[in-house]
Amino acid sequence: MNLSGLLGTLRGLSEYQAALAAVRTGQAGAPGFALRLLRAARIPVAAALSQDQAAPTLVIAARTDRAATVAEELTAWAPNARV
């Protein structure tokens, strides 16, 4: 399944553009910075960020089963990403 076509809608949101700008300028690494996303939005946002910036994107999961799910879902949202 390829869901990457839906990321255009996400990219059109001003909130996404603000998050992308924070990542690009290094503000995302500042103490207290957090996206505070709903669980359902985390993978699509990670996929879009990984495609919209030159640096690698690291997604951390608390459990190995969740990491496997994240990897599987990322391939649907970003088929060309190295997962």
PDB file of N, CA and C in Angstrom:
ATOM      1  N   MET A   1       0.843  -1.167   0.000  1.00  0.00           N
ATOM      2  CA  MET A   1       0.000   0.000   0.000  1.00  0.00           C
ATOM      3  C   MET A   1       0.894   1.238   0.000  1.00  0.00           C
ATOM      4  N   ASN A   2       0.554   2.208  -0.829  1.00  0.00           N
ATOM      5  CA  ASN A   2       1.317   3.440  -0.926  1.00  0.00           C
ATOM      6  C   ASN A   2       0.418   4.609  -0.532  1.00  0.00           C
ATOM      7  N   LEU A   3       0.701   5.203   0.614  1.00  0.00           N
ATOM      8  CA  LEU A   3      -0.095   6.320   1.128  1.00  0.00           C
ATOM      9  C   LEU A   3       0.590   7.666   0.929  1.00  0.00           C
ATOM     10  N   SER A   4       1.730   7.672   0.252  1.00  0.00           N
ATOM     11  CA  SER A   4       2.524   8.898   0.133  1.00  0.00           C
ATOM     12  C   SER A   4       1.769  10.030  -0.563  1.00  0.00           C
ATOM     13  N   GLY A   5       0.793   9.706  -1.397  1.00  0.00           N
ATOM     14  CA  GLY A   5       0.019  10.747  -2.065  1.00  0.00           C
ATOM     15  C   GLY A   5      -0.788  11.612  -1.111  1.00  0.00           C
ATOM     16  N   LEU A   6      -1.038  11.110   0.077  1.00  0.00           N
ATOM     17  CA  LEU A   6      -1.800  11.875   1.074  1.00  0.00           C
ATOM     18  C   LEU A   6      -0.942  12.897   1.818  1.00  0.00           C
ATOM     19  N   LEU A   7       0.369  12.803   1.666  1.00  0.00           N
ATOM     20  CA  LEU A   7       1.247  13.704   2.410  1.00  0.00           C
ATOM     21  C   LEU A   7       1.169  15.147   1.914  1.00  0.00           C
ATOM     22  N   GLY A   8       0.712  15.348   0.686  1.00  0.00           N
ATOM     23  CA  GLY A   8       0.560  16.711   0.164  1.00  0.00           C
ATOM     24  C   GLY A   8      -0.387  17.543   1.015  1.00  0.00           C
ATOM     25  N   THR A   9      -1.453  16.933   1.473  1.00  0.00           N
ATOM     26  CA  THR A   9      -2.404  17.627   2.345  1.00  0.00           C
ATOM     27  C   THR A   9      -1.734  18.024   3.649  1.00  0.00           C
ATOM     28  N   LEU A  10      -0.949  17.123   4.203  1.00  0.00           N
ATOM     29  CA  LEU A  10      -0.216  17.401   5.439  1.00  0.00           C
ATOM     30  C   LEU A  10       0.747  18.562   5.239  1.00  0.00           C
ATOM     31  N   ARG A  11       1.456  18.530   4.130  1.00  0.00           N
ATOM     32  CA  ARG A  11       2.441  19.584   3.844  1.00  0.00           C
ATOM     33  C   ARG A  11       1.793  20.959   3.671  1.00  0.00           C
ATOM     34  N   GLY A  12       0.528  20.982   3.336  1.00  0.00           N
ATOM     35  CA  GLY A  12      -0.171  22.251   3.172  1.00  0.00           C
ATOM     36  C   GLY A  12      -0.580  22.908   4.474  1.00  0.00           C
ATOM     37  N   LEU A  13      -0.467  22.207   5.574  1.00  0.00           N
ATOM     38  CA  LEU A  13      -0.851  22.769   6.872  1.00  0.00           C
ATOM     39  C   LEU A  13       0.225  23.704   7.411  1.00  0.00           C
ATOM     40  N   SER A  14      -0.203  24.833   7.940  1.00  0.00           N
ATOM     41  CA  SER A  14       0.760  25.796   8.500  1.00  0.00           C
ATOM     42  C   SER A  14       1.503  25.197   9.688  1.00  0.00           C
ATOM     43  N   GLU A  15       0.858  24.329  10.444  1.00  0.00           N
ATOM     44  CA  GLU A  15       1.512  23.688  11.589  1.00  0.00           C
ATOM     45  C   GLU A  15       2.662  22.790  11.121  1.00  0.00           C
ATOM     46  N   TYR A  16       2.445  22.088  10.008  1.00  0.00           N
ATOM     47  CA  TYR A  16       3.520  21.247   9.476  1.00  0.00           C
ATOM     48  C   TYR A  16       4.674  22.114   8.986  1.00  0.00           C
ATOM     49  N   GLN A  17       4.356  23.194   8.301  1.00  0.00           N
ATOM     50  CA  GLN A  17       5.401  24.087   7.802  1.00  0.00           C
ATOM     51  C   GLN A  17       6.214  24.673   8.960  1.00  0.00           C
ATOM     52  N   ALA A  18       5.565  24.998  10.073  1.00  0.00           N
ATOM     53  CA  ALA A  18       6.266  25.512  11.249  1.00  0.00           C
ATOM     54  C   ALA A  18       7.183  24.441  11.843  1.00  0.00           C
ATOM     55  N   ALA A  19       6.698  23.205  11.911  1.00  0.00           N
ATOM     56  CA  ALA A  19       7.523  22.114  12.431  1.00  0.00           C
ATOM     57  C   ALA A  19       8.709  21.864  11.523  1.00  0.00           C
ATOM     58  N   LEU A  20       8.496  21.875  10.211  1.00  0.00           N
ATOM     59  CA  LEU A  20       9.584  21.674   9.259  1.00  0.00           C
ATOM     60  C   LEU A  20      10.623  22.786   9.384  1.00  0.00           C
ATOM     61  N   ALA A  21      10.170  24.016   9.528  1.00  0.00           N
ATOM     62  CA  ALA A  21      11.099  25.142   9.698  1.00  0.00           C
ATOM     63  C   ALA A  21      11.907  24.983  10.981  1.00  0.00           C
ATOM     64  N   ALA A  22      11.268  24.524  12.054  1.00  0.00           N
ATOM     65  CA  ALA A  22      11.979  24.312  13.320  1.00  0.00           C
ATOM     66  C   ALA A  22      13.034  23.222  13.175  1.00  0.00           C
ATOM     67  N   VAL A  23      12.714  22.173  12.441  1.00  0.00           N
ATOM     68  CA  VAL A  23      13.682  21.097  12.219  1.00  0.00           C
ATOM     69  C   VAL A  23      14.849  21.608  11.377  1.00  0.00           C
ATOM     70  N   ARG A  24      14.554  22.329  10.335  1.00  0.00           N
ATOM     71  CA  ARG A  24      15.604  22.831   9.433  1.00  0.00           C
ATOM     72  C   ARG A  24      16.535  23.837  10.102  1.00  0.00           C
ATOM     73  N   THR A  25      16.021  24.635  11.023  1.00  0.00           N
ATOM     74  CA  THR A  25      16.846  25.657  11.673  1.00  0.00           C
ATOM     75  C   THR A  25      17.494  25.170  12.960  1.00  0.00           C
ATOM     76  N   GLY A  26      17.204  23.941  13.330  1.00  0.00           N
ATOM     77  CA  GLY A  26      17.808  23.393  14.535  1.00  0.00           C
ATOM     78  C   GLY A  26      17.044  23.694  15.805  1.00  0.00           C
ATOM     79  N   GLN A  27      15.933  24.387  15.711  1.00  0.00           N
ATOM     80  CA  GLN A  27      15.145  24.708  16.901  1.00  0.00           C
ATOM     81  C   GLN A  27      14.466  23.481  17.478  1.00  0.00           C
ATOM     82  N   ALA A  28      14.319  22.452  16.663  1.00  0.00           N
ATOM     83  CA  ALA A  28      13.659  21.235  17.139  1.00  0.00           C
ATOM     84  C   ALA A  28      14.494  20.520  18.185  1.00  0.00           C
ATOM     85  N   GLY A  29      15.789  20.793  18.230  1.00  0.00           N
ATOM     86  CA  GLY A  29      16.659  20.179  19.225  1.00  0.00           C
ATOM     87  C   GLY A  29      16.709  20.942  20.536  1.00  0.00           C
ATOM     88  N   ALA A  30      16.012  22.066  20.603  1.00  0.00           N
ATOM     89  CA  ALA A  30      16.031  22.885  21.808  1.00  0.00           C
ATOM     90  C   ALA A  30      15.258  22.187  22.930  1.00  0.00           C
ATOM     91  N   PRO A  31      15.710  22.371  24.160  1.00  0.00           N
ATOM     92  CA  PRO A  31      14.973  21.782  25.291  1.00  0.00           C
ATOM     93  C   PRO A  31      13.523  22.267  25.302  1.00  0.00           C
ATOM     94  N   GLY A  32      12.619  21.354  25.529  1.00  0.00           N
ATOM     95  CA  GLY A  32      11.218  21.709  25.595  1.00  0.00           C
ATOM     96  C   GLY A  32      10.483  21.638  24.269  1.00  0.00           C
ATOM     97  N   PHE A  33      11.219  21.444  23.164  1.00  0.00           N
ATOM     98  CA  PHE A  33      10.548  21.346  21.866  1.00  0.00           C
ATOM     99  C   PHE A  33       9.915  19.972  21.727  1.00  0.00           C
ATOM    100  N   ALA A  34       8.659  19.939  21.398  1.00  0.00           N
ATOM    101  CA  ALA A  34       7.968  18.675  21.155  1.00  0.00           C
ATOM    102  C   ALA A  34       6.804  18.947  20.217  1.00  0.00           C
ATOM    103  N   LEU A  35       6.565  18.024  19.327  1.00  0.00           N
ATOM    104  CA  LEU A  35       5.449  18.188  18.402  1.00  0.00           C
ATOM    105  C   LEU A  35       4.110  17.853  19.047  1.00  0.00           C
ATOM    106  N   ARG A  36       4.123  16.980  20.045  1.00  0.00           N
ATOM    107  CA  ARG A  36       2.905  16.577  20.759  1.00  0.00           C
ATOM    108  C   ARG A  36       1.801  16.147  19.786  1.00  0.00           C
ATOM    109  N   LEU A  37       2.127  15.180  18.970  1.00  0.00           N
ATOM    110  CA  LEU A  37       1.200  14.701  17.957  1.00  0.00           C
ATOM    111  C   LEU A  37       0.317  13.588  18.481  1.00  0.00           C
ATOM    112  N   LEU A  38      -0.877  13.499  17.932  1.00  0.00           N
ATOM    113  CA  LEU A  38      -1.701  12.331  18.176  1.00  0.00           C
ATOM    114  C   LEU A  38      -0.983  11.119  17.606  1.00  0.00           C
ATOM    115  N   ARG A  39      -1.177   9.977  18.207  1.00  0.00           N
ATOM    116  CA  ARG A  39      -0.481   8.758  17.765  1.00  0.00           C
ATOM    117  C   ARG A  39      -0.685   8.504  16.269  1.00  0.00           C
ATOM    118  N   ALA A  40      -1.904   8.712  15.774  1.00  0.00           N
ATOM    119  CA  ALA A  40      -2.207   8.440  14.368  1.00  0.00           C
ATOM    120  C   ALA A  40      -1.461   9.364  13.415  1.00  0.00           C
ATOM    121  N   ALA A  41      -1.024  10.524  13.899  1.00  0.00           N
ATOM    122  CA  ALA A  41      -0.329  11.485  13.033  1.00  0.00           C
ATOM    123  C   ALA A  41       1.181  11.317  13.046  1.00  0.00           C
ATOM    124  N   ARG A  42       1.720  10.579  13.968  1.00  0.00           N
ATOM    125  CA  ARG A  42       3.172  10.501  14.129  1.00  0.00           C
ATOM    126  C   ARG A  42       3.886   9.932  12.911  1.00  0.00           C
ATOM    127  N   ILE A  43       3.400   8.829  12.368  1.00  0.00           N
ATOM    128  CA  ILE A  43       4.071   8.201  11.236  1.00  0.00           C
ATOM    129  C   ILE A  43       3.973   9.059   9.974  1.00  0.00           C
ATOM    130  N   PRO A  44       2.795   9.579   9.618  1.00  0.00           N
ATOM    131  CA  PRO A  44       2.755  10.443   8.438  1.00  0.00           C
ATOM    132  C   PRO A  44       3.649  11.679   8.569  1.00  0.00           C
ATOM    133  N   VAL A  45       3.695  12.279   9.740  1.00  0.00           N
ATOM    134  CA  VAL A  45       4.558  13.451   9.934  1.00  0.00           C
ATOM    135  C   VAL A  45       6.028  13.053   9.819  1.00  0.00           C
ATOM    136  N   ALA A  46       6.406  11.941  10.407  1.00  0.00           N
ATOM    137  CA  ALA A  46       7.791  11.470  10.295  1.00  0.00           C
ATOM    138  C   ALA A  46       8.142  11.184   8.837  1.00  0.00           C
ATOM    139  N   ALA A  47       7.214  10.588   8.097  1.00  0.00           N
ATOM    140  CA  ALA A  47       7.454  10.302   6.683  1.00  0.00           C
ATOM    141  C   ALA A  47       7.649  11.587   5.890  1.00  0.00           C
ATOM    142  N   ALA A  48       6.781  12.565   6.115  1.00  0.00           N
ATOM    143  CA  ALA A  48       6.889  13.837   5.392  1.00  0.00           C
ATOM    144  C   ALA A  48       8.183  14.562   5.762  1.00  0.00           C
ATOM    145  N   LEU A  49       8.513  14.601   7.042  1.00  0.00           N
ATOM    146  CA  LEU A  49       9.756  15.256   7.465  1.00  0.00           C
ATOM    147  C   LEU A  49      10.969  14.576   6.853  1.00  0.00           C
ATOM    148  N   SER A  50      10.939  13.250   6.779  1.00  0.00           N
ATOM    149  CA  SER A  50      12.085  12.533   6.210  1.00  0.00           C
ATOM    150  C   SER A  50      12.265  12.844   4.729  1.00  0.00           C
ATOM    151  N   GLN A  51      11.180  13.136   4.041  1.00  0.00           N
ATOM    152  CA  GLN A  51      11.267  13.466   2.622  1.00  0.00           C
ATOM    153  C   GLN A  51      11.583  14.939   2.377  1.00  0.00           C
ATOM    154  N   ASP A  52      11.243  15.799   3.327  1.00  0.00           N
ATOM    155  CA  ASP A  52      11.354  17.240   3.118  1.00  0.00           C
ATOM    156  C   ASP A  52      12.626  17.867   3.675  1.00  0.00           C
ATOM    157  N   GLN A  53      13.514  17.078   4.197  1.00  0.00           N
ATOM    158  CA  GLN A  53      14.788  17.616   4.688  1.00  0.00           C
ATOM    159  C   GLN A  53      15.923  16.714   4.226  1.00  0.00           C
ATOM    160  N   ALA A  54      17.104  17.273   4.174  1.00  0.00           N
ATOM    161  CA  ALA A  54      18.258  16.523   3.671  1.00  0.00           C
ATOM    162  C   ALA A  54      18.840  15.572   4.721  1.00  0.00           C
ATOM    163  N   ALA A  55      18.672  15.903   5.981  1.00  0.00           N
ATOM    164  CA  ALA A  55      19.262  15.092   7.050  1.00  0.00           C
ATOM    165  C   ALA A  55      18.414  13.855   7.320  1.00  0.00           C
ATOM    166  N   PRO A  56      19.039  12.797   7.833  1.00  0.00           N
ATOM    167  CA  PRO A  56      18.267  11.604   8.194  1.00  0.00           C
ATOM    168  C   PRO A  56      17.264  11.915   9.313  1.00  0.00           C
ATOM    169  N   THR A  57      16.204  11.156   9.356  1.00  0.00           N
ATOM    170  CA  THR A  57      15.178  11.298  10.386  1.00  0.00           C
ATOM    171  C   THR A  57      15.232  10.071  11.277  1.00  0.00           C
ATOM    172  N   LEU A  58      15.294  10.284  12.566  1.00  0.00           N
ATOM    173  CA  LEU A  58      15.332   9.194  13.533  1.00  0.00           C
ATOM    174  C   LEU A  58      13.998   9.123  14.260  1.00  0.00           C
ATOM    175  N   VAL A  59      13.377   7.959  14.217  1.00  0.00           N
ATOM    176  CA  VAL A  59      12.129   7.733  14.929  1.00  0.00           C
ATOM    177  C   VAL A  59      12.422   6.735  16.041  1.00  0.00           C
ATOM    178  N   ILE A  60      12.088   7.098  17.257  1.00  0.00           N
ATOM    179  CA  ILE A  60      12.371   6.251  18.419  1.00  0.00           C
ATOM    180  C   ILE A  60      11.062   5.690  18.958  1.00  0.00           C
ATOM    181  N   ALA A  61      11.069   4.401  19.224  1.00  0.00           N
ATOM    182  CA  ALA A  61       9.896   3.738  19.804  1.00  0.00           C
ATOM    183  C   ALA A  61      10.309   3.119  21.136  1.00  0.00           C
ATOM    184  N   ALA A  62       9.393   3.105  22.069  1.00  0.00           N
ATOM    185  CA  ALA A  62       9.703   2.611  23.413  1.00  0.00           C
ATOM    186  C   ALA A  62       9.793   1.090  23.488  1.00  0.00           C
ATOM    187  N   ARG A  63       9.125   0.407  22.571  1.00  0.00           N
ATOM    188  CA  ARG A  63       9.102  -1.058  22.614  1.00  0.00           C
ATOM    189  C   ARG A  63       9.462  -1.615  21.241  1.00  0.00           C
ATOM    190  N   THR A  64      10.013  -2.815  21.228  1.00  0.00           N
ATOM    191  CA  THR A  64      10.417  -3.415  19.963  1.00  0.00           C
ATOM    192  C   THR A  64       9.219  -3.713  19.063  1.00  0.00           C
ATOM    193  N   ASP A  65       8.095  -4.100  19.638  1.00  0.00           N
ATOM    194  CA  ASP A  65       6.925  -4.371  18.803  1.00  0.00           C
ATOM    195  C   ASP A  65       6.411  -3.087  18.161  1.00  0.00           C
ATOM    196  N   ARG A  66       6.485  -1.991  18.888  1.00  0.00           N
ATOM    197  CA  ARG A  66       6.085  -0.695  18.332  1.00  0.00           C
ATOM    198  C   ARG A  66       7.073  -0.258  17.250  1.00  0.00           C
ATOM    199  N   ALA A  67       8.355  -0.520  17.443  1.00  0.00           N
ATOM    200  CA  ALA A  67       9.360  -0.186  16.430  1.00  0.00           C
ATOM    201  C   ALA A  67       9.087  -0.941  15.133  1.00  0.00           C
ATOM    202  N   ALA A  68       8.705  -2.192  15.239  1.00  0.00           N
ATOM    203  CA  ALA A  68       8.372  -2.979  14.047  1.00  0.00           C
ATOM    204  C   ALA A  68       7.156  -2.396  13.332  1.00  0.00           C
ATOM    205  N   THR A  69       6.174  -1.966  14.099  1.00  0.00           N
ATOM    206  CA  THR A  69       4.975  -1.356  13.521  1.00  0.00           C
ATOM    207  C   THR A  69       5.322  -0.041  12.834  1.00  0.00           C
ATOM    208  N   VAL A  70       6.157   0.760  13.480  1.00  0.00           N
ATOM    209  CA  VAL A  70       6.585   2.034  12.898  1.00  0.00           C
ATOM    210  C   VAL A  70       7.301   1.787  11.570  1.00  0.00           C
ATOM    211  N   ALA A  71       8.211   0.831  11.548  1.00  0.00           N
ATOM    212  CA  ALA A  71       8.950   0.525  10.321  1.00  0.00           C
ATOM    213  C   ALA A  71       8.001   0.096   9.207  1.00  0.00           C
ATOM    214  N   GLU A  72       7.034  -0.738   9.542  1.00  0.00           N
ATOM    215  CA  GLU A  72       6.071  -1.207   8.545  1.00  0.00           C
ATOM    216  C   GLU A  72       5.220  -0.056   8.018  1.00  0.00           C
ATOM    217  N   GLU A  73       4.744   0.797   8.919  1.00  0.00           N
ATOM    218  CA  GLU A  73       3.899   1.911   8.503  1.00  0.00           C
ATOM    219  C   GLU A  73       4.679   2.952   7.713  1.00  0.00           C
ATOM    220  N   LEU A  74       5.937   3.171   8.073  1.00  0.00           N
ATOM    221  CA  LEU A  74       6.754   4.141   7.330  1.00  0.00           C
ATOM    222  C   LEU A  74       6.918   3.734   5.877  1.00  0.00           C
ATOM    223  N   THR A  75       7.017   2.443   5.606  1.00  0.00           N
ATOM    224  CA  THR A  75       7.157   2.010   4.218  1.00  0.00           C
ATOM    225  C   THR A  75       5.900   2.300   3.405  1.00  0.00           C
ATOM    226  N   ALA A  76       4.755   2.371   4.058  1.00  0.00           N
ATOM    227  CA  ALA A  76       3.516   2.728   3.353  1.00  0.00           C
ATOM    228  C   ALA A  76       3.444   4.227   3.074  1.00  0.00           C
ATOM    229  N   TRP A  77       3.915   5.032   4.014  1.00  0.00           N
ATOM    230  CA  TRP A  77       3.850   6.488   3.865  1.00  0.00           C
ATOM    231  C   TRP A  77       5.016   7.054   3.069  1.00  0.00           C
ATOM    232  N   ALA A  78       6.153   6.388   3.129  1.00  0.00           N
ATOM    233  CA  ALA A  78       7.355   6.856   2.414  1.00  0.00           C
ATOM    234  C   ALA A  78       8.039   5.652   1.771  1.00  0.00           C
ATOM    235  N   PRO A  79       7.489   5.156   0.662  1.00  0.00           N
ATOM    236  CA  PRO A  79       7.996   3.935   0.047  1.00  0.00           C
ATOM    237  C   PRO A  79       9.469   3.986  -0.349  1.00  0.00           C
ATOM    238  N   ASN A  80       9.990   5.171  -0.637  1.00  0.00           N
ATOM    239  CA  ASN A  80      11.386   5.287  -1.056  1.00  0.00           C
ATOM    240  C   ASN A  80      12.350   5.509   0.103  1.00  0.00           C
ATOM    241  N   ALA A  81      11.828   5.612   1.316  1.00  0.00           N
ATOM    242  CA  ALA A  81      12.684   5.856   2.481  1.00  0.00           C
ATOM    243  C   ALA A  81      13.441   4.589   2.852  1.00  0.00           C
ATOM    244  N   ARG A  82      14.629   4.779   3.375  1.00  0.00           N
ATOM    245  CA  ARG A  82      15.400   3.655   3.889  1.00  0.00           C
ATOM    246  C   ARG A  82      14.973   3.442   5.332  1.00  0.00           C
ATOM    247  N   VAL A  83      14.313   2.336   5.586  1.00  0.00           N
ATOM    248  CA  VAL A  83      13.788   2.050   6.923  1.00  0.00           C
ATOM    249  C   VAL A  83      14.561   0.887   7.507  1.00  0.00           C
TER     250      VAL A  83
END
